Amino acid sequence: MAEPQSTPDVSARRRLRIAQAEADLAYFQARLALIGEPKTLNQYAQQCAFRILYKAVGLKLSNLSDKSA
């Protein structure tokens, strides 16, 4: 299947998706830093969830970066 032509609008949307993914990564990284060593089950659950989300968004960002290169 052929790649759609890169128009300014498509490029702008791709840059926006990359910026959003980078912001999400920063948020998850900050939340993990704030939790530190979990002292409660709730903090442990949050830590697990944020680690999973951090990895998932990292993969998404990697894929978006690969497509834009």
Protein backbone atom coordinates (compact mmCIF):
# COMPACT_ATOMS: atom_id res chain seq x y z
CA MET A 1 0.00 0.00 0.00
CA ALA A 2 1.41 3.39 -0.95
CA GLU A 3 2.25 5.97 1.69
CA PRO A 4 0.00 9.03 1.63
CA GLN A 5 1.65 12.14 0.33
CA SER A 6 3.20 14.31 2.99
CA THR A 7 1.33 17.56 3.02
CA PRO A 8 1.95 20.42 5.44
CA ASP A 9 -1.21 19.42 7.31
CA VAL A 10 -0.12 15.78 7.65
CA SER A 11 3.35 16.85 8.77
CA ALA A 12 1.89 19.22 11.35
CA ARG A 13 -0.35 16.49 12.75
CA ARG A 14 2.61 14.10 12.96
CA ARG A 15 4.68 16.70 14.84
CA LEU A 16 1.74 17.28 17.19
CA ARG A 17 1.40 13.55 17.90
CA ILE A 18 5.14 13.36 18.63
CA ALA A 19 4.93 16.36 20.98
CA GLN A 20 1.93 14.83 22.75
CA ALA A 21 3.74 11.52 23.20
CA GLU A 22 6.80 13.33 24.57
CA ALA A 23 4.61 15.23 27.03
CA ASP A 24 2.96 11.97 28.12
CA LEU A 25 6.39 10.40 28.69
CA ALA A 26 7.47 13.37 30.82
CA TYR A 27 4.25 13.11 32.86
CA PHE A 28 4.67 9.40 33.53
CA GLN A 29 8.34 9.86 34.37
CA ALA A 30 7.45 12.62 36.86
CA ARG A 31 4.72 10.51 38.47
CA LEU A 32 7.15 7.61 38.86
CA ALA A 33 9.70 9.93 40.46
CA LEU A 34 7.09 11.31 42.86
CA ILE A 35 6.01 7.83 43.94
CA GLY A 36 9.60 6.78 44.55
CA GLU A 37 9.62 3.64 46.65
CA PRO A 38 5.96 2.73 47.13
CA LYS A 39 4.81 2.61 50.74
CA THR A 40 1.21 1.53 50.13
CA LEU A 41 -0.54 -0.91 47.83
CA ASN A 42 -2.13 2.05 46.05
CA GLN A 43 1.27 3.57 45.30
CA TYR A 44 2.53 0.18 44.14
CA ALA A 45 -0.45 -0.17 41.79
CA GLN A 46 0.12 3.36 40.47
CA GLN A 47 3.81 2.60 39.93
CA CYS A 48 2.96 -0.54 37.97
CA ALA A 49 0.39 1.28 35.86
CA PHE A 50 2.68 4.22 35.11
CA ARG A 51 5.56 1.89 34.17
CA ILE A 52 3.31 0.07 31.70
CA LEU A 53 2.00 3.34 30.27
CA TYR A 54 5.53 4.76 30.07
CA LYS A 55 6.69 1.75 28.04
CA ALA A 56 3.63 1.84 25.78
CA VAL A 57 3.96 5.55 25.04
CA GLY A 58 7.69 5.11 24.51
CA LEU A 59 7.00 2.49 21.85
CA LYS A 60 4.39 4.77 20.26
CA LEU A 61 6.89 7.63 20.19
CA SER A 62 9.53 5.35 18.69
CA ASN A 63 7.10 4.29 15.96
CA LEU A 64 6.09 7.89 15.24
CA SER A 65 9.73 8.96 15.06
CA ASP A 66 10.57 6.08 12.72
CA LYS A 67 7.71 7.03 10.37
CA SER A 68 8.75 10.69 10.28
CA ALA A 69 12.38 9.86 9.44
